[in-house]
Amino acid sequence: MADVPVELFRRFFAPSIRVRLNWDRLMKRPCRAQVTVIEKLAEITAWKMPWHFDRAGREIRYDSQGARPISICEIGIHVKMNERRRSLIDSLMEAYRLAQNPVALVAPTYFIEPGVNLILDANHRLAAAYLAGVQLRLMNFAIHGPLDSEIIPELKHWRTI
């Protein structure tokens, strides 16, 4: 594990992160970024996807009544993903299974608690790697900051400042 300047994290990942992230608020709060290499799928099973479902397993908005983020290990078990999302994951799974080497990915996340990070980007790729059960080499860049839903609205599902 190594520290990375938060501004470097921002410059690299801001263009690709589609989760609503208030960069200005984040940069004004005490936070740090760390990079780690993960080689075991078991280490990411509790990571949360930026996708939200109701109790019946239907995909809904994060701010809908009864919305809850799902863990990687729940994908494909109790939820009904939209066809476009499922198709993309299926095609990535097929490609990953054909790979001769470990699947190498880079993913930005937001640290929630030990073992639980909110995935900010690369969610389809991580889901496909997990579901395919392939050997993984993941470089995870995690922001360690306050659980403030004004930084990321999805953080409302955990304790907030």
Protein backbone atom coordinates (compact mmCIF):
# COMPACT_ATOMS: atom_id res chain seq x y z
CA MET A 1 0.00 0.00 0.00
CA ALA A 2 1.32 3.42 -0.94
CA ASP A 3 -0.02 6.95 -0.68
CA VAL A 4 -0.84 8.80 -3.89
CA PRO A 5 -1.50 12.55 -4.12
CA VAL A 6 -5.27 13.11 -4.21
CA GLU A 7 -4.80 15.65 -7.01
CA LEU A 8 -3.09 12.97 -9.11
CA PHE A 9 -6.04 10.63 -8.45
CA ARG A 10 -8.37 13.42 -9.59
CA ARG A 11 -6.42 14.24 -12.76
CA PHE A 12 -6.25 10.59 -13.79
CA PHE A 13 -9.75 9.37 -12.90
CA ALA A 14 -12.05 12.42 -13.10
CA PRO A 15 -12.66 12.05 -16.86
CA SER A 16 -13.85 8.44 -16.53
CA ILE A 17 -15.78 8.43 -13.24
CA ARG A 18 -19.50 8.69 -13.97
CA VAL A 19 -20.61 8.35 -10.35
CA ARG A 20 -21.68 11.78 -9.12
CA LEU A 21 -18.61 12.95 -7.22
CA ASN A 22 -18.31 16.50 -5.93
CA TRP A 23 -14.59 16.99 -6.50
CA ASP A 24 -14.57 20.51 -5.02
CA ARG A 25 -16.06 19.31 -1.73
CA LEU A 26 -13.77 16.27 -1.65
CA MET A 27 -10.66 18.38 -2.18
CA LYS A 28 -11.64 20.70 0.70
CA ARG A 29 -12.05 17.80 3.15
CA PRO A 30 -9.32 15.81 4.86
CA CYS A 31 -8.72 12.80 2.64
CA ARG A 32 -5.96 10.71 1.15
CA ALA A 33 -5.57 8.31 -1.74
CA GLN A 34 -3.82 4.97 -1.54
CA VAL A 35 -2.87 2.42 -4.16
CA THR A 36 -2.83 -1.31 -3.50
CA VAL A 37 -2.42 -4.38 -5.67
CA ILE A 38 -5.05 -7.08 -5.22
CA GLU A 39 -4.61 -10.57 -6.59
CA LYS A 40 -7.44 -12.48 -4.94
CA LEU A 41 -11.06 -12.15 -5.99
CA ALA A 42 -12.06 -12.87 -2.39
CA GLU A 43 -10.70 -9.46 -1.41
CA ILE A 44 -13.33 -7.64 -3.48
CA THR A 45 -16.47 -9.70 -2.80
CA ALA A 46 -17.94 -7.10 -0.41
CA TRP A 47 -17.08 -4.12 -2.63
CA LYS A 48 -20.17 -2.16 -3.57
CA MET A 49 -21.29 -1.47 -7.10
CA PRO A 50 -22.70 1.95 -7.97
CA TRP A 51 -25.89 0.13 -9.00
CA HIS A 52 -28.91 0.04 -6.74
CA PHE A 53 -31.73 -2.47 -6.44
CA ASP A 54 -34.94 -2.85 -4.47
CA ARG A 55 -35.85 -5.88 -2.35
CA ALA A 56 -37.38 -7.60 -5.40
CA GLY A 57 -34.05 -7.34 -7.24
CA ARG A 58 -35.13 -4.62 -9.69
CA GLU A 59 -32.63 -1.93 -10.61
CA ILE A 60 -33.63 1.51 -9.33
CA ARG A 61 -32.05 4.93 -8.74
CA TYR A 62 -29.76 5.30 -5.73
CA ASP A 63 -32.16 7.82 -4.16
CA SER A 64 -35.32 5.74 -4.62
CA GLN A 65 -37.24 4.43 -1.63
CA GLY A 66 -35.69 1.10 -0.57
CA ALA A 67 -32.65 1.41 -2.83
CA ARG A 68 -29.57 -0.47 -1.74
CA PRO A 69 -26.18 -0.83 -3.40
CA ILE A 70 -25.22 -4.40 -4.20
CA SER A 71 -21.93 -6.14 -3.54
CA ILE A 72 -19.94 -7.72 -6.34
CA CYS A 73 -20.82 -11.16 -4.96
CA GLU A 74 -24.55 -10.43 -5.42
CA ILE A 75 -24.33 -9.76 -9.15
CA GLY A 76 -26.19 -12.31 -11.15
CA ILE A 77 -27.67 -13.99 -8.09
CA HIS A 78 -30.50 -11.88 -6.69
CA VAL A 79 -30.73 -9.00 -9.14
CA LYS A 80 -32.22 -8.36 -12.56
CA MET A 81 -29.78 -6.19 -14.47
CA ASN A 82 -30.85 -4.35 -17.57
CA GLU A 83 -30.04 -6.16 -20.82
CA ARG A 84 -27.32 -3.73 -21.95
CA ARG A 85 -25.41 -4.05 -18.67
CA ARG A 86 -25.78 -7.86 -18.63
CA SER A 87 -24.64 -8.14 -22.26
CA LEU A 88 -21.52 -6.06 -21.63
CA ILE A 89 -20.61 -8.12 -18.56
CA ASP A 90 -21.18 -11.37 -20.49
CA SER A 91 -18.90 -10.28 -23.35
CA LEU A 92 -16.17 -9.20 -20.92
CA MET A 93 -16.47 -12.52 -19.06
CA GLU A 94 -15.96 -14.39 -22.32
CA ALA A 95 -12.87 -12.35 -23.18
CA TYR A 96 -11.43 -12.77 -19.68
CA ARG A 97 -11.90 -16.54 -19.74
CA LEU A 98 -9.92 -16.70 -23.00
CA ALA A 99 -7.04 -14.66 -21.58
CA GLN A 100 -3.81 -16.58 -21.06
CA ASN A 101 -2.60 -14.22 -18.32
CA PRO A 102 -4.21 -12.77 -15.22
CA VAL A 103 -6.75 -10.07 -16.03
CA ALA A 104 -5.08 -6.75 -15.23
CA LEU A 105 -7.39 -3.92 -14.19
CA VAL A 106 -7.11 -0.47 -12.66
CA ALA A 107 -10.03 0.76 -10.57
CA PRO A 108 -10.79 3.85 -8.52
CA THR A 109 -12.82 3.30 -5.36
CA TYR A 110 -13.96 5.13 -2.25
CA PHE A 111 -13.07 3.40 1.02
CA ILE A 112 -16.12 2.70 3.20
CA GLU A 113 -14.71 0.35 5.85
CA PRO A 114 -12.17 -2.48 5.88
CA GLY A 115 -13.06 -4.85 3.05
CA VAL A 116 -15.74 -2.56 1.63
CA ASN A 117 -15.10 0.03 -1.07
CA LEU A 118 -17.56 1.81 -3.36
CA ILE A 119 -16.47 1.22 -6.96
CA LEU A 120 -16.30 4.52 -8.84
CA ASP A 121 -15.30 3.18 -12.27
CA ALA A 122 -14.43 -0.18 -13.91
CA ASN A 123 -17.59 -1.69 -12.37
CA HIS A 124 -18.49 -3.79 -15.45
CA ARG A 125 -14.91 -5.06 -15.75
CA LEU A 126 -14.69 -5.96 -12.06
CA ALA A 127 -18.09 -7.66 -12.17
CA ALA A 128 -17.04 -9.70 -15.21
CA ALA A 129 -13.72 -10.73 -13.63
CA TYR A 130 -15.49 -11.79 -10.45
CA LEU A 131 -18.24 -13.73 -12.22
CA ALA A 132 -15.74 -15.40 -14.58
CA GLY A 133 -13.63 -16.45 -11.61
CA VAL A 134 -10.43 -15.54 -13.41
CA GLN A 135 -7.03 -14.77 -11.96
CA LEU A 136 -6.94 -11.04 -11.23
CA ARG A 137 -4.26 -8.38 -10.92
CA LEU A 138 -6.06 -5.26 -9.75
CA MET A 139 -4.41 -1.94 -9.05
CA ASN A 140 -6.88 -0.22 -6.75
CA PHE A 141 -6.68 3.50 -6.13
CA ALA A 142 -8.86 4.23 -3.09
CA ILE A 143 -9.90 7.57 -1.69
CA HIS A 144 -10.04 7.53 2.11
CA GLY A 145 -12.29 10.42 3.03
CA PRO A 146 -15.38 11.27 5.03
CA LEU A 147 -18.58 9.30 4.44
CA ASP A 148 -20.26 12.49 3.26
CA SER A 149 -23.21 12.15 0.88
CA GLU A 150 -22.48 15.65 -0.39
CA ILE A 151 -19.22 14.26 -1.80
CA ILE A 152 -20.85 11.17 -3.34
CA PRO A 153 -24.66 10.86 -3.01
CA GLU A 154 -24.43 7.05 -2.74
CA LEU A 155 -22.58 7.47 0.55
CA LYS A 156 -26.00 8.13 2.12
CA HIS A 157 -26.29 4.35 2.40
CA TRP A 158 -23.54 4.42 5.02
CA ARG A 159 -23.06 6.66 7.99
CA THR A 160 -22.50 10.30 7.03
CA ILE A 161 -20.66 13.15 8.68
